[in-house]
Amino acid sequence: MGGRGLAVTLVHACLREGRGGSPTAVLPEVPLSDEERRRVPALAGTSHAVFVAVHAGRPRGSVVSLRFFTAEGQLPACGHGTVAALAFLTGRADGGTFRATIHAGGRVFSGWSVRGTTQVDAAFDPGPVDLREPTAIECDLVLPALGVTSGMPAPGACVASVGRSRLLVPVATRSALAVLGPDFERLRAACDRLGLLGCYVYSVPTAAGLVAARMFAPAIGVEEDIANANSTACLAAHLARRGDSDIAVDMGDSLGSPSTITATARHEASGPLVHVGGAARIARTFRLPLAGPYLLGPE
C-alpha cells in the first residue's frame, strides 16, 4: 500500500439490463483488523465489502477465499458479494471465462463467470439450503414489524438458511410488496431475538418465474438490501420442493437501483441443487486513505 492508500474496486453486482445493481467494495486481502474492515463499506459508500485472497491454482480453476463485511461485522455469506468478487477476479484473469473453488464462512463451493463486452455474467453454487416451516412466534413478531397486514401474506412462508437463517414471506402482488413500510427498530429487535439475518419478502412467482422481492436486514446494519442473491437461492430451493424452479427476481426498485438475480433449482434425492447469479460491471478503482500503517482514516 506504500502510503498511497487502500485499493478498492467498486463493482455493481446483479445489474438489470446493464444498469443499477448493488455497489460493492472489493479488495485484495490485506492485514486489517476486523474493526478496520467494518469501516470499509461506509468509507467506500457501499453496504458491503468483500476481501479476496487468491491461493495456488488447480488445473481446472483458481482457489479463492472470501470474507464479507458490513458496518456491523463479518458475514458468513454474501451472494451479491460473491458475484462482485467473481467479476473482480474475471477482470484480472486471462481469457473470457473464469472458474474458482471458493472458501467462505467455513463452506466450500464453486463459482464461475464469463466476460462480455461491457459486463461479467457470474454465478455460483451456494451449497445446501436448509428449509423449515416458521413458528407461530416468528410470524407474530416479524410480520407486524414488516408492515405486513393480515390480508397481505400469501401461503408458503418458510425459514431458510445458507449461512444464516432468514424468513421468506410471500405476498400476492408486486404492489403489495411496494407499499411495505417496516418499523426497522422493531424488526431488528425481532430478528435479534429470533436469531434471524432478516426477512425476504417476495411476490408470488408468475408462470414464467418472474418475481419481485425486498430484503430487510437491519440486524446486519442494512435496513434494505439492493440485491440479495443468497435469499434468492433460498427461494429457488423452497420453490423446488414443488418441482424444478427457474426464477428471475427484481430487487432494488424502492432504492432507485434496479437489480435482477437469476436462480435455478433442480430437485435431487439429497435436496435441491441451486445455482444463483447475475451480471456485474466494474465501475472504477480508487484508494481509501490511511492514517498509520493500516488504520483507515477520514479524507
C-alpha atoms as a PDB file:
ATOM      1  CA  MET A   1       0.000   0.000   0.000  1.00  0.00           C
ATOM      2  CA  GLY A   2       3.037   2.190   0.467  1.00  0.00           C
ATOM      3  CA  GLY A   3       1.251   5.232   1.911  1.00  0.00           C
ATOM      4  CA  ARG A   4      -0.837   5.621  -1.214  1.00  0.00           C
ATOM      5  CA  GLY A   5      -3.949   4.225   0.387  1.00  0.00           C
ATOM      6  CA  LEU A   6      -6.010   1.067   0.256  1.00  0.00           C
ATOM      7  CA  ALA A   7      -7.044  -0.001  -3.266  1.00  0.00           C
ATOM      8  CA  VAL A   8     -10.795  -0.589  -3.616  1.00  0.00           C
ATOM      9  CA  THR A   9     -12.624  -1.757  -6.731  1.00  0.00           C
ATOM     10  CA  LEU A  10     -16.257  -0.696  -6.941  1.00  0.00           C
ATOM     11  CA  VAL A  11     -18.372  -3.394  -8.597  1.00  0.00           C
ATOM     12  CA  HIS A  12     -22.081  -3.044  -9.399  1.00  0.00           C
ATOM     13  CA  ALA A  13     -23.433  -6.554  -8.855  1.00  0.00           C
ATOM     14  CA  CYS A  14     -26.687  -8.040 -10.182  1.00  0.00           C
ATOM     15  CA  LEU A  15     -27.400  -5.462 -12.886  1.00  0.00           C
ATOM     16  CA  ARG A  16     -30.732  -5.193 -14.638  1.00  0.00           C
ATOM     17  CA  GLU A  17     -30.333  -4.725 -18.373  1.00  0.00           C
ATOM     18  CA  GLY A  18     -26.899  -3.230 -17.842  1.00  0.00           C
ATOM     19  CA  ARG A  19     -27.794  -0.669 -15.192  1.00  0.00           C
ATOM     20  CA  GLY A  20     -28.381  -0.378 -11.457  1.00  0.00           C
ATOM     21  CA  GLY A  21     -27.067  -3.216  -9.343  1.00  0.00           C
ATOM     22  CA  SER A  22     -25.693  -3.244  -5.813  1.00  0.00           C
ATOM     23  CA  PRO A  23     -22.474  -1.207  -5.394  1.00  0.00           C
ATOM     24  CA  THR A  24     -19.972  -3.448  -3.623  1.00  0.00           C
ATOM     25  CA  ALA A  25     -16.428  -2.713  -2.440  1.00  0.00           C
ATOM     26  CA  VAL A  26     -13.982  -5.451  -3.478  1.00  0.00           C
ATOM     27  CA  LEU A  27     -10.452  -5.505  -2.056  1.00  0.00           C
ATOM     28  CA  PRO A  28      -7.493  -7.863  -2.199  1.00  0.00           C
ATOM     29  CA  GLU A  29      -6.884  -9.478   1.191  1.00  0.00           C
ATOM     30  CA  VAL A  30      -4.772  -7.152   3.346  1.00  0.00           C
ATOM     31  CA  PRO A  31      -3.682  -7.281   7.028  1.00  0.00           C
ATOM     32  CA  LEU A  32      -6.509  -5.225   8.527  1.00  0.00           C
ATOM     33  CA  SER A  33      -8.262  -5.811  11.829  1.00  0.00           C
ATOM     34  CA  ASP A  34     -11.940  -6.721  11.774  1.00  0.00           C
ATOM     35  CA  GLU A  35     -12.723  -3.263  13.153  1.00  0.00           C
ATOM     36  CA  GLU A  36     -10.933  -1.682  10.202  1.00  0.00           C
ATOM     37  CA  ARG A  37     -12.727  -3.991   7.767  1.00  0.00           C
ATOM     38  CA  ARG A  38     -16.059  -2.873   9.232  1.00  0.00           C
ATOM     39  CA  ARG A  39     -15.184   0.705   8.346  1.00  0.00           C
ATOM     40  CA  VAL A  40     -14.565  -0.025   4.669  1.00  0.00           C
ATOM     41  CA  PRO A  41     -18.204  -0.130   3.442  1.00  0.00           C
ATOM     42  CA  ALA A  42     -19.072   3.305   4.845  1.00  0.00           C
ATOM     43  CA  LEU A  43     -15.818   4.832   3.620  1.00  0.00           C
ATOM     44  CA  ALA A  44     -16.350   3.313   0.172  1.00  0.00           C
ATOM     45  CA  GLY A  45     -20.027   4.356   0.036  1.00  0.00           C
ATOM     46  CA  THR A  46     -21.351   0.783  -0.114  1.00  0.00           C
ATOM     47  CA  SER A  47     -23.375  -1.507   2.146  1.00  0.00           C
ATOM     48  CA  HIS A  48     -20.925  -4.435   1.866  1.00  0.00           C
ATOM     49  CA  ALA A  49     -17.238  -5.081   1.330  1.00  0.00           C
ATOM     50  CA  VAL A  50     -15.618  -8.336   0.232  1.00  0.00           C
ATOM     51  CA  PHE A  51     -11.949  -9.196   0.786  1.00  0.00           C
ATOM     52  CA  VAL A  52     -10.458 -11.598  -1.770  1.00  0.00           C
ATOM     53  CA  ALA A  53      -7.446 -13.899  -1.286  1.00  0.00           C
ATOM     54  CA  VAL A  54      -6.230 -15.961  -4.247  1.00  0.00           C
ATOM     55  CA  HIS A  55      -4.426 -19.215  -3.431  1.00  0.00           C
ATOM     56  CA  ALA A  56      -2.493 -21.650  -5.587  1.00  0.00           C
ATOM     57  CA  GLY A  57      -4.474 -22.586  -8.669  1.00  0.00           C
ATOM     58  CA  ARG A  58      -5.656 -26.014  -9.707  1.00  0.00           C
ATOM     59  CA  PRO A  59      -5.743 -27.405 -13.252  1.00  0.00           C
ATOM     60  CA  ARG A  60      -9.445 -26.561 -13.602  1.00  0.00           C
ATOM     61  CA  GLY A  61      -9.511 -23.204 -11.867  1.00  0.00           C
ATOM     62  CA  SER A  62      -8.377 -20.939  -9.056  1.00  0.00           C
ATOM     63  CA  VAL A  63      -8.852 -21.367  -5.322  1.00  0.00           C
ATOM     64  CA  VAL A  64     -10.013 -18.221  -3.521  1.00  0.00           C
ATOM     65  CA  SER A  65     -11.101 -17.216  -0.035  1.00  0.00           C
ATOM     66  CA  LEU A  66     -13.724 -14.519   0.531  1.00  0.00           C
ATOM     67  CA  ARG A  67     -14.544 -12.541   3.666  1.00  0.00           C
ATOM     68  CA  PHE A  68     -17.639 -10.333   3.752  1.00  0.00           C
ATOM     69  CA  PHE A  69     -18.213  -7.313   5.999  1.00  0.00           C
ATOM     70  CA  THR A  70     -20.880  -4.725   6.705  1.00  0.00           C
ATOM     71  CA  ALA A  71     -20.602  -1.940   9.262  1.00  0.00           C
ATOM     72  CA  GLU A  72     -21.939  -4.398  11.853  1.00  0.00           C
ATOM     73  CA  GLY A  73     -19.248  -7.015  11.315  1.00  0.00           C
ATOM     74  CA  GLN A  74     -18.387 -10.128   9.341  1.00  0.00           C
ATOM     75  CA  LEU A  75     -20.988 -12.172   7.460  1.00  0.00           C
ATOM     76  CA  PRO A  76     -20.611 -15.900   6.809  1.00  0.00           C
ATOM     77  CA  ALA A  77     -22.013 -15.478   3.300  1.00  0.00           C
ATOM     78  CA  CYS A  78     -22.985 -12.749   0.842  1.00  0.00           C
ATOM     79  CA  GLY A  79     -24.441 -13.644  -2.542  1.00  0.00           C
ATOM     80  CA  HIS A  80     -24.090 -10.350  -4.373  1.00  0.00           C
ATOM     81  CA  GLY A  81     -20.641 -10.001  -2.787  1.00  0.00           C
ATOM     82  CA  THR A  82     -19.712 -13.348  -4.337  1.00  0.00           C
ATOM     83  CA  VAL A  83     -20.946 -12.145  -7.748  1.00  0.00           C
ATOM     84  CA  ALA A  84     -18.889  -8.959  -7.302  1.00  0.00           C
ATOM     85  CA  ALA A  85     -15.784 -10.931  -6.321  1.00  0.00           C
ATOM     86  CA  LEU A  86     -16.127 -13.208  -9.353  1.00  0.00           C
ATOM     87  CA  ALA A  87     -16.403 -10.161 -11.623  1.00  0.00           C
ATOM     88  CA  PHE A  88     -13.309  -8.662  -9.980  1.00  0.00           C
ATOM     89  CA  LEU A  89     -11.343 -11.893 -10.444  1.00  0.00           C
ATOM     90  CA  THR A  90     -12.510 -12.286 -14.042  1.00  0.00           C
ATOM     91  CA  GLY A  91     -11.239  -8.799 -14.783  1.00  0.00           C
ATOM     92  CA  ARG A  92      -7.785  -9.875 -13.613  1.00  0.00           C
ATOM     93  CA  ALA A  93      -7.740 -13.267 -15.341  1.00  0.00           C
ATOM     94  CA  ASP A  94      -6.572 -14.215 -18.798  1.00  0.00           C
ATOM     95  CA  GLY A  95      -9.294 -15.253 -21.211  1.00  0.00           C
ATOM     96  CA  GLY A  96     -13.016 -14.724 -21.223  1.00  0.00           C
ATOM     97  CA  THR A  97     -14.047 -17.334 -18.652  1.00  0.00           C
ATOM     98  CA  PHE A  98     -13.118 -17.906 -15.030  1.00  0.00           C
ATOM     99  CA  ARG A  99     -13.775 -20.751 -12.612  1.00  0.00           C
ATOM    100  CA  ALA A 100     -12.945 -20.940  -8.925  1.00  0.00           C
ATOM    101  CA  THR A 101     -13.304 -23.067  -5.852  1.00  0.00           C
ATOM    102  CA  ILE A 102     -14.477 -20.607  -3.202  1.00  0.00           C
ATOM    103  CA  HIS A 103     -13.890 -20.820   0.548  1.00  0.00           C
ATOM    104  CA  ALA A 104     -16.155 -18.551   2.613  1.00  0.00           C
ATOM    105  CA  GLY A 105     -17.656 -18.785   6.080  1.00  0.00           C
ATOM    106  CA  GLY A 106     -16.436 -22.334   6.616  1.00  0.00           C
ATOM    107  CA  ARG A 107     -18.048 -23.538   3.373  1.00  0.00           C
ATOM    108  CA  VAL A 108     -16.509 -24.596   0.042  1.00  0.00           C
ATOM    109  CA  PHE A 109     -18.416 -24.135  -3.222  1.00  0.00           C
ATOM    110  CA  SER A 110     -17.943 -23.476  -6.937  1.00  0.00           C
ATOM    111  CA  GLY A 111     -18.177 -20.194  -8.832  1.00  0.00           C
ATOM    112  CA  TRP A 112     -17.821 -19.311 -12.498  1.00  0.00           C
ATOM    113  CA  SER A 113     -18.092 -16.296 -14.776  1.00  0.00           C
ATOM    114  CA  VAL A 114     -17.939 -15.179 -18.403  1.00  0.00           C
ATOM    115  CA  ARG A 115     -16.624 -11.813 -19.520  1.00  0.00           C
ATOM    116  CA  GLY A 116     -18.666  -9.926 -22.097  1.00  0.00           C
ATOM    117  CA  THR A 117     -18.121  -6.606 -23.811  1.00  0.00           C
ATOM    118  CA  THR A 118     -19.485  -4.412 -21.017  1.00  0.00           C
ATOM    119  CA  GLN A 119     -20.219  -6.763 -18.124  1.00  0.00           C
ATOM    120  CA  VAL A 120     -19.418 -10.083 -16.482  1.00  0.00           C
ATOM    121  CA  ASP A 121     -22.048 -12.804 -16.042  1.00  0.00           C
ATOM    122  CA  ALA A 122     -21.289 -14.656 -12.811  1.00  0.00           C
ATOM    123  CA  ALA A 123     -22.916 -17.496 -10.906  1.00  0.00           C
ATOM    124  CA  PHE A 124     -22.172 -19.880  -8.080  1.00  0.00           C
ATOM    125  CA  ASP A 125     -23.439 -22.944  -6.261  1.00  0.00           C
ATOM    126  CA  PRO A 126     -24.288 -21.772  -2.733  1.00  0.00           C
ATOM    127  CA  GLY A 127     -24.391 -25.325  -1.421  1.00  0.00           C
ATOM    128  CA  PRO A 128     -27.137 -26.947   0.661  1.00  0.00           C
ATOM    129  CA  VAL A 129     -30.093 -24.780   1.655  1.00  0.00           C
ATOM    130  CA  ASP A 130     -31.810 -25.632   4.927  1.00  0.00           C
ATOM    131  CA  LEU A 131     -35.589 -25.090   4.888  1.00  0.00           C
ATOM    132  CA  ARG A 132     -38.223 -25.344   7.604  1.00  0.00           C
ATOM    133  CA  GLU A 133     -41.665 -24.041   8.462  1.00  0.00           C
ATOM    134  CA  PRO A 134     -41.705 -20.846  10.546  1.00  0.00           C
ATOM    135  CA  THR A 135     -43.014 -20.994  14.076  1.00  0.00           C
ATOM    136  CA  ALA A 136     -46.052 -19.018  15.160  1.00  0.00           C
ATOM    137  CA  ILE A 137     -43.910 -16.722  17.315  1.00  0.00           C
ATOM    138  CA  GLU A 138     -41.590 -15.989  14.379  1.00  0.00           C
ATOM    139  CA  CYS A 139     -44.539 -14.881  12.265  1.00  0.00           C
ATOM    140  CA  ASP A 140     -46.171 -12.990  15.153  1.00  0.00           C
ATOM    141  CA  LEU A 141     -43.001 -10.988  15.855  1.00  0.00           C
ATOM    142  CA  VAL A 142     -41.715 -10.370  12.336  1.00  0.00           C
ATOM    143  CA  LEU A 143     -44.784  -9.798  10.158  1.00  0.00           C
ATOM    144  CA  PRO A 144     -46.184  -6.779  12.068  1.00  0.00           C
ATOM    145  CA  ALA A 145     -42.695  -5.243  12.184  1.00  0.00           C
ATOM    146  CA  LEU A 146     -42.524  -5.566   8.406  1.00  0.00           C
ATOM    147  CA  GLY A 147     -45.833  -3.778   7.963  1.00  0.00           C
ATOM    148  CA  VAL A 148     -47.488  -6.932   6.639  1.00  0.00           C
ATOM    149  CA  THR A 149     -51.174  -6.783   7.478  1.00  0.00           C
ATOM    150  CA  SER A 150     -53.496  -9.761   7.869  1.00  0.00           C
ATOM    151  CA  GLY A 151     -54.684  -9.793   4.248  1.00  0.00           C
ATOM    152  CA  MET A 152     -51.268  -9.415   2.614  1.00  0.00           C
ATOM    153  CA  PRO A 153     -49.337 -12.680   3.078  1.00  0.00           C
ATOM    154  CA  ALA A 154     -49.783 -15.500   0.599  1.00  0.00           C
ATOM    155  CA  PRO A 155     -49.367 -19.116   1.733  1.00  0.00           C
ATOM    156  CA  GLY A 156     -45.895 -20.602   1.841  1.00  0.00           C
ATOM    157  CA  ALA A 157     -43.711 -18.669   4.303  1.00  0.00           C
ATOM    158  CA  CYS A 158     -40.579 -20.510   5.372  1.00  0.00           C
ATOM    159  CA  VAL A 159     -37.309 -20.073   7.240  1.00  0.00           C
ATOM    160  CA  ALA A 160     -34.301 -20.727   5.005  1.00  0.00           C
ATOM    161  CA  SER A 161     -30.576 -20.763   5.656  1.00  0.00           C
ATOM    162  CA  VAL A 162     -27.456 -20.709   3.533  1.00  0.00           C
ATOM    163  CA  GLY A 163     -25.056 -19.481   6.205  1.00  0.00           C
ATOM    164  CA  ARG A 164     -27.665 -17.696   8.362  1.00  0.00           C
ATOM    165  CA  SER A 165     -31.414 -18.085   8.725  1.00  0.00           C
ATOM    166  CA  ARG A 166     -33.853 -15.626   7.207  1.00  0.00           C
ATOM    167  CA  LEU A 167     -37.643 -15.575   6.937  1.00  0.00           C
ATOM    168  CA  LEU A 168     -39.112 -15.793   3.415  1.00  0.00           C
ATOM    169  CA  VAL A 169     -42.572 -14.214   3.190  1.00  0.00           C
ATOM    170  CA  PRO A 170     -44.717 -14.316   0.027  1.00  0.00           C
ATOM    171  CA  VAL A 171     -47.226 -11.577  -0.808  1.00  0.00           C
ATOM    172  CA  ALA A 172     -49.794 -11.775  -3.571  1.00  0.00           C
ATOM    173  CA  THR A 173     -48.679  -8.883  -5.787  1.00  0.00           C
ATOM    174  CA  ARG A 174     -45.828  -6.534  -6.598  1.00  0.00           C
ATOM    175  CA  SER A 175     -47.962  -3.612  -5.472  1.00  0.00           C
ATOM    176  CA  ALA A 176     -48.362  -5.184  -2.011  1.00  0.00           C
ATOM    177  CA  LEU A 177     -44.588  -5.544  -1.881  1.00  0.00           C
ATOM    178  CA  ALA A 178     -44.012  -1.941  -2.944  1.00  0.00           C
ATOM    179  CA  VAL A 179     -46.125  -0.416  -0.151  1.00  0.00           C
ATOM    180  CA  LEU A 180     -44.363  -2.191   2.719  1.00  0.00           C
ATOM    181  CA  GLY A 181     -43.056   0.218   5.354  1.00  0.00           C
ATOM    182  CA  PRO A 182     -41.140  -1.711   8.025  1.00  0.00           C
ATOM    183  CA  ASP A 183     -40.537  -0.427  11.529  1.00  0.00           C
ATOM    184  CA  PHE A 184     -36.792  -1.083  11.435  1.00  0.00           C
ATOM    185  CA  GLU A 185     -36.151  -0.805  15.171  1.00  0.00           C
ATOM    186  CA  ARG A 186     -38.941  -3.267  15.877  1.00  0.00           C
ATOM    187  CA  LEU A 187     -37.796  -5.542  13.037  1.00  0.00           C
ATOM    188  CA  ARG A 188     -34.218  -5.551  14.284  1.00  0.00           C
ATOM    189  CA  ALA A 189     -35.352  -6.401  17.806  1.00  0.00           C
ATOM    190  CA  ALA A 190     -37.475  -9.270  16.469  1.00  0.00           C
ATOM    191  CA  CYS A 191     -34.676 -10.626  14.274  1.00  0.00           C
ATOM    192  CA  ASP A 192     -32.132 -10.373  17.096  1.00  0.00           C
ATOM    193  CA  ARG A 193     -34.474 -12.211  19.453  1.00  0.00           C
ATOM    194  CA  LEU A 194     -35.137 -14.969  16.890  1.00  0.00           C
ATOM    195  CA  GLY A 195     -31.580 -15.238  15.533  1.00  0.00           C
ATOM    196  CA  LEU A 196     -32.640 -14.242  12.026  1.00  0.00           C
ATOM    197  CA  LEU A 197     -30.485 -12.406   9.495  1.00  0.00           C
ATOM    198  CA  GLY A 198     -33.591 -10.602   8.244  1.00  0.00           C
ATOM    199  CA  CYS A 199     -36.674 -11.033   6.125  1.00  0.00           C
ATOM    200  CA  TYR A 200     -37.036 -11.525   2.367  1.00  0.00           C
ATOM    201  CA  VAL A 201     -40.493 -10.558   1.139  1.00  0.00           C
ATOM    202  CA  TYR A 202     -41.369 -11.614  -2.399  1.00  0.00           C
ATOM    203  CA  SER A 203     -44.281 -11.535  -4.826  1.00  0.00           C
ATOM    204  CA  VAL A 204     -45.810 -14.852  -5.859  1.00  0.00           C
ATOM    205  CA  PRO A 205     -43.922 -16.043  -8.971  1.00  0.00           C
ATOM    206  CA  THR A 206     -45.630 -15.730 -12.334  1.00  0.00           C
ATOM    207  CA  ALA A 207     -45.941 -18.722 -14.634  1.00  0.00           C
ATOM    208  CA  ALA A 208     -42.725 -17.539 -16.298  1.00  0.00           C
ATOM    209  CA  GLY A 209     -40.871 -17.428 -12.946  1.00  0.00           C
ATOM    210  CA  LEU A 210     -40.785 -13.642 -12.632  1.00  0.00           C
ATOM    211  CA  VAL A 211     -40.626 -12.378  -9.046  1.00  0.00           C
ATOM    212  CA  ALA A 212     -40.107  -9.085  -7.228  1.00  0.00           C
ATOM    213  CA  ALA A 213     -38.523  -9.057  -3.765  1.00  0.00           C
ATOM    214  CA  ARG A 214     -37.282  -6.819  -0.984  1.00  0.00           C
ATOM    215  CA  MET A 215     -34.752  -7.899   1.642  1.00  0.00           C
ATOM    216  CA  PHE A 216     -34.777  -6.176   5.036  1.00  0.00           C
ATOM    217  CA  ALA A 217     -31.752  -6.923   7.225  1.00  0.00           C
ATOM    218  CA  PRO A 218     -31.347  -4.307   9.984  1.00  0.00           C
ATOM    219  CA  ALA A 219     -29.685  -6.985  12.142  1.00  0.00           C
ATOM    220  CA  ILE A 220     -26.540  -6.626   9.987  1.00  0.00           C
ATOM    221  CA  GLY A 221     -26.820  -2.852   9.610  1.00  0.00           C
ATOM    222  CA  VAL A 222     -28.560  -2.931   6.200  1.00  0.00           C
ATOM    223  CA  GLU A 223     -32.150  -1.754   6.507  1.00  0.00           C
ATOM    224  CA  GLU A 224     -32.908  -2.760   2.915  1.00  0.00           C
ATOM    225  CA  ASP A 225     -30.586  -4.598   0.558  1.00  0.00           C
ATOM    226  CA  ILE A 226     -30.415  -3.593  -3.110  1.00  0.00           C
ATOM    227  CA  ALA A 227     -29.772  -7.183  -4.191  1.00  0.00           C
ATOM    228  CA  ASN A 228     -29.686 -10.360  -2.145  1.00  0.00           C
ATOM    229  CA  ALA A 229     -28.552 -13.397  -4.103  1.00  0.00           C
ATOM    230  CA  ASN A 230     -28.379 -15.866  -1.216  1.00  0.00           C
ATOM    231  CA  SER A 231     -32.005 -15.202  -0.250  1.00  0.00           C
ATOM    232  CA  THR A 232     -32.920 -15.671  -3.912  1.00  0.00           C
ATOM    233  CA  ALA A 233     -31.106 -19.012  -3.833  1.00  0.00           C
ATOM    234  CA  CYS A 234     -33.147 -19.884  -0.742  1.00  0.00           C
ATOM    235  CA  LEU A 235     -36.348 -19.003  -2.582  1.00  0.00           C
ATOM    236  CA  ALA A 236     -35.383 -21.155  -5.574  1.00  0.00           C
ATOM    237  CA  ALA A 237     -34.716 -24.100  -3.225  1.00  0.00           C
ATOM    238  CA  HIS A 238     -38.050 -23.511  -1.474  1.00  0.00           C
ATOM    239  CA  LEU A 239     -39.954 -23.450  -4.766  1.00  0.00           C
ATOM    240  CA  ALA A 240     -38.121 -26.571  -5.959  1.00  0.00           C
ATOM    241  CA  ARG A 241     -39.857 -28.622  -3.278  1.00  0.00           C
ATOM    242  CA  ARG A 242     -42.828 -28.499  -5.663  1.00  0.00           C
ATOM    243  CA  GLY A 243     -40.656 -29.245  -8.716  1.00  0.00           C
ATOM    244  CA  ASP A 244     -37.728 -27.649 -10.534  1.00  0.00           C
ATOM    245  CA  SER A 245     -37.657 -23.854 -10.476  1.00  0.00           C
ATOM    246  CA  ASP A 246     -36.152 -21.152 -12.671  1.00  0.00           C
ATOM    247  CA  ILE A 247     -36.686 -17.635 -11.381  1.00  0.00           C
ATOM    248  CA  ALA A 248     -35.639 -14.073 -12.183  1.00  0.00           C
ATOM    249  CA  VAL A 249     -36.020 -11.772  -9.184  1.00  0.00           C
ATOM    250  CA  ASP A 250     -36.201  -7.981  -9.464  1.00  0.00           C
ATOM    251  CA  MET A 251     -34.957  -6.046  -6.439  1.00  0.00           C
ATOM    252  CA  GLY A 252     -33.727  -2.541  -5.650  1.00  0.00           C
ATOM    253  CA  ASP A 253     -36.543  -0.558  -7.285  1.00  0.00           C
ATOM    254  CA  SER A 254     -37.601   1.008  -3.983  1.00  0.00           C
ATOM    255  CA  LEU A 255     -33.998   2.208  -3.549  1.00  0.00           C
ATOM    256  CA  GLY A 256     -33.610   3.616  -7.055  1.00  0.00           C
ATOM    257  CA  SER A 257     -31.100   0.959  -8.125  1.00  0.00           C
ATOM    258  CA  PRO A 258     -32.871  -1.745 -10.177  1.00  0.00           C
ATOM    259  CA  SER A 259     -31.261  -5.167  -9.844  1.00  0.00           C
ATOM    260  CA  THR A 260     -32.024  -8.669 -11.068  1.00  0.00           C
ATOM    261  CA  ILE A 261     -30.839 -12.006  -9.702  1.00  0.00           C
ATOM    262  CA  THR A 262     -31.430 -15.293 -11.503  1.00  0.00           C
ATOM    263  CA  ALA A 263     -31.563 -18.716  -9.881  1.00  0.00           C
ATOM    264  CA  THR A 264     -32.259 -22.289 -10.888  1.00  0.00           C
ATOM    265  CA  ALA A 265     -33.020 -25.227  -8.639  1.00  0.00           C
ATOM    266  CA  ARG A 266     -33.199 -28.859  -9.656  1.00  0.00           C
ATOM    267  CA  HIS A 267     -34.755 -31.367  -7.300  1.00  0.00           C
ATOM    268  CA  GLU A 268     -32.445 -34.242  -6.367  1.00  0.00           C
ATOM    269  CA  ALA A 269     -32.686 -37.032  -3.825  1.00  0.00           C
ATOM    270  CA  SER A 270     -30.295 -35.221  -1.487  1.00  0.00           C
ATOM    271  CA  GLY A 271     -32.169 -31.929  -1.848  1.00  0.00           C
ATOM    272  CA  PRO A 272     -32.358 -29.127  -4.383  1.00  0.00           C
ATOM    273  CA  LEU A 273     -29.246 -28.278  -6.417  1.00  0.00           C
ATOM    274  CA  VAL A 274     -29.180 -24.494  -6.725  1.00  0.00           C
ATOM    275  CA  HIS A 275     -27.240 -22.105  -8.963  1.00  0.00           C
ATOM    276  CA  VAL A 276     -27.624 -18.356  -8.483  1.00  0.00           C
ATOM    277  CA  GLY A 277     -26.027 -15.305 -10.037  1.00  0.00           C
ATOM    278  CA  GLY A 278     -26.285 -12.125 -12.025  1.00  0.00           C
ATOM    279  CA  ALA A 279     -24.483  -9.664 -14.236  1.00  0.00           C
ATOM    280  CA  ALA A 280     -21.845  -7.306 -12.842  1.00  0.00           C
ATOM    281  CA  ARG A 281     -19.887  -4.291 -14.032  1.00  0.00           C
ATOM    282  CA  ILE A 282     -16.597  -2.986 -12.679  1.00  0.00           C
ATOM    283  CA  ALA A 283     -17.178   0.741 -12.199  1.00  0.00           C
ATOM    284  CA  ARG A 284     -13.835   2.073 -11.025  1.00  0.00           C
ATOM    285  CA  THR A 285     -10.877   1.577  -8.709  1.00  0.00           C
ATOM    286  CA  PHE A 286      -9.957   4.158  -6.085  1.00  0.00           C
ATOM    287  CA  ARG A 287      -7.961   4.391  -2.871  1.00  0.00           C
ATOM    288  CA  LEU A 288      -9.081   4.864   0.694  1.00  0.00           C
ATOM    289  CA  PRO A 289      -6.694   6.954   2.807  1.00  0.00           C
ATOM    290  CA  LEU A 290      -4.683   5.517   5.650  1.00  0.00           C
ATOM    291  CA  ALA A 291      -3.801   7.115   8.986  1.00  0.00           C
ATOM    292  CA  GLY A 292      -0.922   4.976  10.149  1.00  0.00           C
ATOM    293  CA  PRO A 293       0.151   1.596   8.718  1.00  0.00           C
ATOM    294  CA  TYR A 294      -3.302   0.072   8.279  1.00  0.00           C
ATOM    295  CA  LEU A 295      -5.819   2.161  10.195  1.00  0.00           C
ATOM    296  CA  LEU A 296      -8.327   3.690   7.803  1.00  0.00           C
ATOM    297  CA  GLY A 297      -8.708   7.389   8.437  1.00  0.00           C
ATOM    298  CA  PRO A 298     -11.017  10.101   7.114  1.00  0.00           C
ATOM    299  CA  GLU A 299     -10.359  12.008   3.885  1.00  0.00           C
END
